[in-house]
Amino acid sequence: MVKIRLQRFGKHKAPSYRIVAADSRSPRDGKFLEILGTYNPLTNPATVNLKADAIKAWLEKGAQPTITVKNILIAENILSK
């Protein structure tokens, strides 16, 4: 099963995240299929850059977003409640 989830990168105590499509069996910071965007929670407000068309394509193929990613997608009006 493919999941759309966060992948952490950045310095110690300064996290940034990539939003990626990855196999559910791969580790959090491991192998992924495609980078779909970035998320930086440290800026005020949080900075989000997304590839909306790629995310919609993965969702149509059956990929499941994690709870956090789902909330980000709803906030960015890519997904509806």
PDB file of N, CA and C in Angstrom:
ATOM      1  N   MET A   1       0.842  -1.183   0.000  1.00  0.00           N
ATOM      2  CA  MET A   1       0.000   0.000   0.000  1.00  0.00           C
ATOM      3  C   MET A   1       0.885   1.244   0.000  1.00  0.00           C
ATOM      4  N   VAL A   2       0.505   2.225  -0.771  1.00  0.00           N
ATOM      5  CA  VAL A   2       1.243   3.482  -0.846  1.00  0.00           C
ATOM      6  C   VAL A   2       0.616   4.482   0.115  1.00  0.00           C
ATOM      7  N   LYS A   3       1.481   5.162   0.874  1.00  0.00           N
ATOM      8  CA  LYS A   3       1.028   6.200   1.792  1.00  0.00           C
ATOM      9  C   LYS A   3       1.668   7.514   1.404  1.00  0.00           C
ATOM     10  N   ILE A   4       0.933   8.587   1.609  1.00  0.00           N
ATOM     11  CA  ILE A   4       1.477   9.928   1.467  1.00  0.00           C
ATOM     12  C   ILE A   4       1.787  10.378   2.885  1.00  0.00           C
ATOM     13  N   ARG A   5       3.077  10.592   3.164  1.00  0.00           N
ATOM     14  CA  ARG A   5       3.470  10.876   4.536  1.00  0.00           C
ATOM     15  C   ARG A   5       4.626  11.857   4.586  1.00  0.00           C
ATOM     16  N   LEU A   6       4.982  12.257   5.815  1.00  0.00           N
ATOM     17  CA  LEU A   6       6.079  13.181   6.026  1.00  0.00           C
ATOM     18  C   LEU A   6       7.390  12.423   6.145  1.00  0.00           C
ATOM     19  N   GLN A   7       8.453  13.013   5.601  1.00  0.00           N
ATOM     20  CA  GLN A   7       9.802  12.473   5.732  1.00  0.00           C
ATOM     21  C   GLN A   7      10.651  13.593   6.318  1.00  0.00           C
ATOM     22  N   ARG A   8      11.243  13.349   7.483  1.00  0.00           N
ATOM     23  CA  ARG A   8      11.980  14.398   8.164  1.00  0.00           C
ATOM     24  C   ARG A   8      13.360  14.598   7.558  1.00  0.00           C
ATOM     25  N   PHE A   9      13.758  15.865   7.439  1.00  0.00           N
ATOM     26  CA  PHE A   9      15.125  16.219   7.110  1.00  0.00           C
ATOM     27  C   PHE A   9      15.409  17.556   7.781  1.00  0.00           C
ATOM     28  N   GLY A  10      16.626  18.027   7.743  1.00  0.00           N
ATOM     29  CA  GLY A  10      16.989  19.267   8.408  1.00  0.00           C
ATOM     30  C   GLY A  10      17.947  19.000   9.550  1.00  0.00           C
ATOM     31  N   LYS A  11      18.360  20.063  10.205  1.00  0.00           N
ATOM     32  CA  LYS A  11      19.341  19.967  11.277  1.00  0.00           C
ATOM     33  C   LYS A  11      18.713  19.487  12.582  1.00  0.00           C
ATOM     34  N   HIS A  12      19.579  19.200  13.536  1.00  0.00           N
ATOM     35  CA  HIS A  12      19.159  18.806  14.881  1.00  0.00           C
ATOM     36  C   HIS A  12      18.350  19.939  15.511  1.00  0.00           C
ATOM     37  N   LYS A  13      17.181  19.649  16.007  1.00  0.00           N
ATOM     38  CA  LYS A  13      16.242  20.589  16.617  1.00  0.00           C
ATOM     39  C   LYS A  13      15.729  21.657  15.654  1.00  0.00           C
ATOM     40  N   ALA A  14      15.877  21.438  14.356  1.00  0.00           N
ATOM     41  CA  ALA A  14      15.330  22.348  13.341  1.00  0.00           C
ATOM     42  C   ALA A  14      14.728  21.514  12.229  1.00  0.00           C
ATOM     43  N   PRO A  15      13.607  20.835  12.497  1.00  0.00           N
ATOM     44  CA  PRO A  15      13.061  19.916  11.502  1.00  0.00           C
ATOM     45  C   PRO A  15      12.380  20.617  10.337  1.00  0.00           C
ATOM     46  N   SER A  16      12.533  20.033   9.199  1.00  0.00           N
ATOM     47  CA  SER A  16      11.749  20.348   8.013  1.00  0.00           C
ATOM     48  C   SER A  16      11.280  19.006   7.476  1.00  0.00           C
ATOM     49  N   TYR A  17      10.243  19.022   6.708  1.00  0.00           N
ATOM     50  CA  TYR A  17       9.681  17.760   6.238  1.00  0.00           C
ATOM     51  C   TYR A  17       9.437  17.808   4.744  1.00  0.00           C
ATOM     52  N   ARG A  18       9.619  16.671   4.099  1.00  0.00           N
ATOM     53  CA  ARG A  18       9.186  16.472   2.725  1.00  0.00           C
ATOM     54  C   ARG A  18       7.877  15.703   2.789  1.00  0.00           C
ATOM     55  N   ILE A  19       6.972  16.009   1.914  1.00  0.00           N
ATOM     56  CA  ILE A  19       5.758  15.209   1.774  1.00  0.00           C
ATOM     57  C   ILE A  19       6.031  14.270   0.609  1.00  0.00           C
ATOM     58  N   VAL A  20       6.010  12.967   0.892  1.00  0.00           N
ATOM     59  CA  VAL A  20       6.410  11.979  -0.109  1.00  0.00           C
ATOM     60  C   VAL A  20       5.351  10.892  -0.249  1.00  0.00           C
ATOM     61  N   ALA A  21       5.364  10.250  -1.398  1.00  0.00           N
ATOM     62  CA  ALA A  21       4.597   9.028  -1.612  1.00  0.00           C
ATOM     63  C   ALA A  21       5.580   7.885  -1.392  1.00  0.00           C
ATOM     64  N   ALA A  22       5.249   6.999  -0.441  1.00  0.00           N
ATOM     65  CA  ALA A  22       6.166   5.917  -0.091  1.00  0.00           C
ATOM     66  C   ALA A  22       5.379   4.646   0.192  1.00  0.00           C
ATOM     67  N   ASP A  23       6.059   3.525   0.026  1.00  0.00           N
ATOM     68  CA  ASP A  23       5.472   2.239   0.393  1.00  0.00           C
ATOM     69  C   ASP A  23       5.306   2.221   1.909  1.00  0.00           C
ATOM     70  N   SER A  24       4.218   1.702   2.403  1.00  0.00           N
ATOM     71  CA  SER A  24       3.947   1.723   3.836  1.00  0.00           C
ATOM     72  C   SER A  24       4.939   0.883   4.635  1.00  0.00           C
ATOM     73  N   ARG A  25       5.640  -0.040   3.975  1.00  0.00           N
ATOM     74  CA  ARG A  25       6.602  -0.889   4.679  1.00  0.00           C
ATOM     75  C   ARG A  25       7.980  -0.252   4.798  1.00  0.00           C
ATOM     76  N   SER A  26       8.254   0.821   4.066  1.00  0.00           N
ATOM     77  CA  SER A  26       9.569   1.449   4.134  1.00  0.00           C
ATOM     78  C   SER A  26       9.661   2.342   5.370  1.00  0.00           C
ATOM     79  N   PRO A  27      10.882   2.542   5.918  1.00  0.00           N
ATOM     80  CA  PRO A  27      11.027   3.378   7.117  1.00  0.00           C
ATOM     81  C   PRO A  27      10.723   4.850   6.836  1.00  0.00           C
ATOM     82  N   ARG A  28      10.516   5.609   7.899  1.00  0.00           N
ATOM     83  CA  ARG A  28      10.094   7.007   7.781  1.00  0.00           C
ATOM     84  C   ARG A  28      11.023   7.815   6.879  1.00  0.00           C
ATOM     85  N   ASP A  29      12.329   7.703   7.093  1.00  0.00           N
ATOM     86  CA  ASP A  29      13.289   8.477   6.316  1.00  0.00           C
ATOM     87  C   ASP A  29      13.953   7.641   5.237  1.00  0.00           C
ATOM     88  N   GLY A  30      13.332   6.546   4.861  1.00  0.00           N
ATOM     89  CA  GLY A  30      13.907   5.631   3.888  1.00  0.00           C
ATOM     90  C   GLY A  30      13.440   5.895   2.473  1.00  0.00           C
ATOM     91  N   LYS A  31      13.302   4.799   1.748  1.00  0.00           N
ATOM     92  CA  LYS A  31      12.969   4.835   0.330  1.00  0.00           C
ATOM     93  C   LYS A  31      11.581   5.432   0.093  1.00  0.00           C
ATOM     94  N   PHE A  32      11.464   6.225  -0.974  1.00  0.00           N
ATOM     95  CA  PHE A  32      10.177   6.811  -1.338  1.00  0.00           C
ATOM     96  C   PHE A  32      10.002   6.741  -2.838  1.00  0.00           C
ATOM     97  N   LEU A  33       8.789   6.954  -3.304  1.00  0.00           N
ATOM     98  CA  LEU A  33       8.478   6.872  -4.724  1.00  0.00           C
ATOM     99  C   LEU A  33       8.569   8.235  -5.416  1.00  0.00           C
ATOM    100  N   GLU A  34       8.082   9.280  -4.739  1.00  0.00           N
ATOM    101  CA  GLU A  34       8.080  10.610  -5.344  1.00  0.00           C
ATOM    102  C   GLU A  34       7.978  11.669  -4.258  1.00  0.00           C
ATOM    103  N   ILE A  35       8.684  12.783  -4.443  1.00  0.00           N
ATOM    104  CA  ILE A  35       8.554  13.929  -3.540  1.00  0.00           C
ATOM    105  C   ILE A  35       7.376  14.765  -4.035  1.00  0.00           C
ATOM    106  N   LEU A  36       6.431  15.035  -3.131  1.00  0.00           N
ATOM    107  CA  LEU A  36       5.215  15.753  -3.510  1.00  0.00           C
ATOM    108  C   LEU A  36       5.166  17.175  -2.963  1.00  0.00           C
ATOM    109  N   GLY A  37       6.099  17.532  -2.086  1.00  0.00           N
ATOM    110  CA  GLY A  37       6.111  18.881  -1.542  1.00  0.00           C
ATOM    111  C   GLY A  37       6.978  18.971  -0.308  1.00  0.00           C
ATOM    112  N   THR A  38       6.959  20.153   0.323  1.00  0.00           N
ATOM    113  CA  THR A  38       7.710  20.381   1.555  1.00  0.00           C
ATOM    114  C   THR A  38       6.807  21.044   2.583  1.00  0.00           C
ATOM    115  N   TYR A  39       7.200  20.893   3.849  1.00  0.00           N
ATOM    116  CA  TYR A  39       6.458  21.471   4.970  1.00  0.00           C
ATOM    117  C   TYR A  39       7.467  21.921   6.015  1.00  0.00           C
ATOM    118  N   ASN A  40       7.419  23.195   6.387  1.00  0.00           N
ATOM    119  CA  ASN A  40       8.313  23.732   7.415  1.00  0.00           C
ATOM    120  C   ASN A  40       7.466  24.311   8.540  1.00  0.00           C
ATOM    121  N   PRO A  41       7.374  23.604   9.673  1.00  0.00           N
ATOM    122  CA  PRO A  41       6.518  24.066  10.770  1.00  0.00           C
ATOM    123  C   PRO A  41       7.142  25.165  11.619  1.00  0.00           C
ATOM    124  N   LEU A  42       8.417  25.495  11.419  1.00  0.00           N
ATOM    125  CA  LEU A  42       9.091  26.460  12.273  1.00  0.00           C
ATOM    126  C   LEU A  42       8.824  27.911  11.883  1.00  0.00           C
ATOM    127  N   THR A  43       8.396  28.159  10.664  1.00  0.00           N
ATOM    128  CA  THR A  43       8.069  29.521  10.263  1.00  0.00           C
ATOM    129  C   THR A  43       6.685  29.876  10.791  1.00  0.00           C
ATOM    130  N   ASN A  44       6.392  31.158  10.860  1.00  0.00           N
ATOM    131  CA  ASN A  44       5.098  31.583  11.372  1.00  0.00           C
ATOM    132  C   ASN A  44       4.424  32.435  10.309  1.00  0.00           C
ATOM    133  N   PRO A  45       3.389  31.976   9.624  1.00  0.00           N
ATOM    134  CA  PRO A  45       2.756  30.651   9.676  1.00  0.00           C
ATOM    135  C   PRO A  45       3.618  29.594   8.976  1.00  0.00           C
ATOM    136  N   ALA A  46       3.274  28.350   9.180  1.00  0.00           N
ATOM    137  CA  ALA A  46       4.036  27.237   8.603  1.00  0.00           C
ATOM    138  C   ALA A  46       4.065  27.336   7.078  1.00  0.00           C
ATOM    139  N   THR A  47       5.232  27.060   6.503  1.00  0.00           N
ATOM    140  CA  THR A  47       5.413  27.141   5.060  1.00  0.00           C
ATOM    141  C   THR A  47       5.103  25.796   4.423  1.00  0.00           C
ATOM    142  N   VAL A  48       4.233  25.791   3.416  1.00  0.00           N
ATOM    143  CA  VAL A  48       3.862  24.562   2.726  1.00  0.00           C
ATOM    144  C   VAL A  48       3.979  24.796   1.224  1.00  0.00           C
ATOM    145  N   ASN A  49       4.751  23.935   0.551  1.00  0.00           N
ATOM    146  CA  ASN A  49       4.859  23.947  -0.909  1.00  0.00           C
ATOM    147  C   ASN A  49       4.443  22.577  -1.402  1.00  0.00           C
ATOM    148  N   LEU A  50       3.429  22.519  -2.266  1.00  0.00           N
ATOM    149  CA  LEU A  50       2.892  21.241  -2.715  1.00  0.00           C
ATOM    150  C   LEU A  50       2.788  21.179  -4.233  1.00  0.00           C
ATOM    151  N   LYS A  51       2.905  19.963  -4.764  1.00  0.00           N
ATOM    152  CA  LYS A  51       2.606  19.685  -6.166  1.00  0.00           C
ATOM    153  C   LYS A  51       1.189  19.107  -6.193  1.00  0.00           C
ATOM    154  N   ALA A  52       0.213  19.977  -6.335  1.00  0.00           N
ATOM    155  CA  ALA A  52      -1.186  19.582  -6.206  1.00  0.00           C
ATOM    156  C   ALA A  52      -1.594  18.522  -7.224  1.00  0.00           C
ATOM    157  N   ASP A  53      -1.145  18.671  -8.465  1.00  0.00           N
ATOM    158  CA  ASP A  53      -1.540  17.704  -9.489  1.00  0.00           C
ATOM    159  C   ASP A  53      -0.961  16.315  -9.217  1.00  0.00           C
ATOM    160  N   ALA A  54       0.259  16.258  -8.719  1.00  0.00           N
ATOM    161  CA  ALA A  54       0.870  14.969  -8.395  1.00  0.00           C
ATOM    162  C   ALA A  54       0.179  14.318  -7.193  1.00  0.00           C
ATOM    163  N   ILE A  55      -0.195  15.122  -6.214  1.00  0.00           N
ATOM    164  CA  ILE A  55      -0.891  14.588  -5.031  1.00  0.00           C
ATOM    165  C   ILE A  55      -2.246  14.026  -5.440  1.00  0.00           C
ATOM    166  N   LYS A  56      -2.986  14.756  -6.272  1.00  0.00           N
ATOM    167  CA  LYS A  56      -4.295  14.273  -6.725  1.00  0.00           C
ATOM    168  C   LYS A  56      -4.155  12.985  -7.527  1.00  0.00           C
ATOM    169  N   ALA A  57      -3.089  12.884  -8.322  1.00  0.00           N
ATOM    170  CA  ALA A  57      -2.862  11.667  -9.103  1.00  0.00           C
ATOM    171  C   ALA A  57      -2.611  10.474  -8.186  1.00  0.00           C
ATOM    172  N   TRP A  58      -1.810  10.661  -7.145  1.00  0.00           N
ATOM    173  CA  TRP A  58      -1.553   9.560  -6.205  1.00  0.00           C
ATOM    174  C   TRP A  58      -2.817   9.180  -5.435  1.00  0.00           C
ATOM    175  N   LEU A  59      -3.621  10.167  -5.065  1.00  0.00           N
ATOM    176  CA  LEU A  59      -4.860   9.862  -4.349  1.00  0.00           C
ATOM    177  C   LEU A  59      -5.822   9.080  -5.235  1.00  0.00           C
ATOM    178  N   GLU A  60      -5.855   9.402  -6.527  1.00  0.00           N
ATOM    179  CA  GLU A  60      -6.708   8.658  -7.461  1.00  0.00           C
ATOM    180  C   GLU A  60      -6.239   7.222  -7.639  1.00  0.00           C
ATOM    181  N   LYS A  61      -4.935   7.003  -7.502  1.00  0.00           N
ATOM    182  CA  LYS A  61      -4.382   5.655  -7.616  1.00  0.00           C
ATOM    183  C   LYS A  61      -4.579   4.834  -6.354  1.00  0.00           C
ATOM    184  N   GLY A  62      -5.093   5.454  -5.281  1.00  0.00           N
ATOM    185  CA  GLY A  62      -5.384   4.714  -4.067  1.00  0.00           C
ATOM    186  C   GLY A  62      -4.439   4.959  -2.911  1.00  0.00           C
ATOM    187  N   ALA A  63      -3.549   5.923  -3.025  1.00  0.00           N
ATOM    188  CA  ALA A  63      -2.633   6.229  -1.925  1.00  0.00           C
ATOM    189  C   ALA A  63      -3.417   6.825  -0.761  1.00  0.00           C
ATOM    190  N   GLN A  64      -3.018   6.470   0.460  1.00  0.00           N
ATOM    191  CA  GLN A  64      -3.693   6.945   1.661  1.00  0.00           C
ATOM    192  C   GLN A  64      -2.807   7.950   2.387  1.00  0.00           C
ATOM    193  N   PRO A  65      -3.288   9.170   2.647  1.00  0.00           N
ATOM    194  CA  PRO A  65      -2.484  10.130   3.407  1.00  0.00           C
ATOM    195  C   PRO A  65      -2.536   9.811   4.905  1.00  0.00           C
ATOM    196  N   THR A  66      -1.442  10.114   5.602  1.00  0.00           N
ATOM    197  CA  THR A  66      -1.449   9.980   7.055  1.00  0.00           C
ATOM    198  C   THR A  66      -2.308  11.103   7.630  1.00  0.00           C
ATOM    199  N   ILE A  67      -2.585  11.042   8.918  1.00  0.00           N
ATOM    200  CA  ILE A  67      -3.466  12.035   9.544  1.00  0.00           C
ATOM    201  C   ILE A  67      -2.890  13.441   9.420  1.00  0.00           C
ATOM    202  N   THR A  68      -1.597  13.593   9.687  1.00  0.00           N
ATOM    203  CA  THR A  68      -0.965  14.909   9.612  1.00  0.00           C
ATOM    204  C   THR A  68      -0.988  15.447   8.193  1.00  0.00           C
ATOM    205  N   VAL A  69      -0.653  14.625   7.225  1.00  0.00           N
ATOM    206  CA  VAL A  69      -0.661  15.059   5.828  1.00  0.00           C
ATOM    207  C   VAL A  69      -2.082  15.380   5.391  1.00  0.00           C
ATOM    208  N   LYS A  70      -3.051  14.606   5.840  1.00  0.00           N
ATOM    209  CA  LYS A  70      -4.447  14.876   5.499  1.00  0.00           C
ATOM    210  C   LYS A  70      -4.859  16.255   6.006  1.00  0.00           C
ATOM    211  N   ASN A  71      -4.445  16.605   7.222  1.00  0.00           N
ATOM    212  CA  ASN A  71      -4.763  17.927   7.772  1.00  0.00           C
ATOM    213  C   ASN A  71      -4.098  19.042   6.968  1.00  0.00           C
ATOM    214  N   ILE A  72      -2.866  18.817   6.507  1.00  0.00           N
ATOM    215  CA  ILE A  72      -2.176  19.804   5.679  1.00  0.00           C
ATOM    216  C   ILE A  72      -2.900  19.973   4.350  1.00  0.00           C
ATOM    217  N   LEU A  73      -3.316  18.863   3.737  1.00  0.00           N
ATOM    218  CA  LEU A  73      -4.007  18.926   2.454  1.00  0.00           C
ATOM    219  C   LEU A  73      -5.362  19.620   2.575  1.00  0.00           C
ATOM    220  N   ILE A  74      -6.050  19.415   3.678  1.00  0.00           N
ATOM    221  CA  ILE A  74      -7.331  20.094   3.906  1.00  0.00           C
ATOM    222  C   ILE A  74      -7.094  21.596   4.084  1.00  0.00           C
ATOM    223  N   ALA A  75      -6.038  21.969   4.820  1.00  0.00           N
ATOM    224  CA  ALA A  75      -5.728  23.372   5.027  1.00  0.00           C
ATOM    225  C   ALA A  75      -5.344  24.076   3.728  1.00  0.00           C
ATOM    226  N   GLU A  76      -4.728  23.342   2.805  1.00  0.00           N
ATOM    227  CA  GLU A  76      -4.319  23.902   1.522  1.00  0.00           C
ATOM    228  C   GLU A  76      -5.388  23.741   0.437  1.00  0.00           C
ATOM    229  N   ASN A  77      -6.575  23.276   0.792  1.00  0.00           N
ATOM    230  CA  ASN A  77      -7.723  23.107  -0.114  1.00  0.00           C
ATOM    231  C   ASN A  77      -7.459  22.143  -1.267  1.00  0.00           C
ATOM    232  N   ILE A  78      -6.633  21.136  -1.021  1.00  0.00           N
ATOM    233  CA  ILE A  78      -6.430  20.082  -2.017  1.00  0.00           C
ATOM    234  C   ILE A  78      -7.396  18.945  -1.754  1.00  0.00           C
ATOM    235  N   LEU A  79      -7.698  18.708  -0.500  1.00  0.00           N
ATOM    236  CA  LEU A  79      -8.640  17.668  -0.081  1.00  0.00           C
ATOM    237  C   LEU A  79      -9.793  18.334   0.641  1.00  0.00           C
ATOM    238  N   SER A  80     -10.960  17.788   0.515  1.00  0.00           N
ATOM    239  CA  SER A  80     -12.101  18.320   1.262  1.00  0.00           C
ATOM    240  C   SER A  80     -12.385  17.396   2.446  1.00  0.00           C
ATOM    241  N   LYS A  81     -13.030  17.951   3.462  1.00  0.00           N
ATOM    242  CA  LYS A  81     -13.371  17.153   4.638  1.00  0.00           C
ATOM    243  C   LYS A  81     -14.353  16.131   4.234  1.00  0.00           C
TER     244      LYS A  81
END
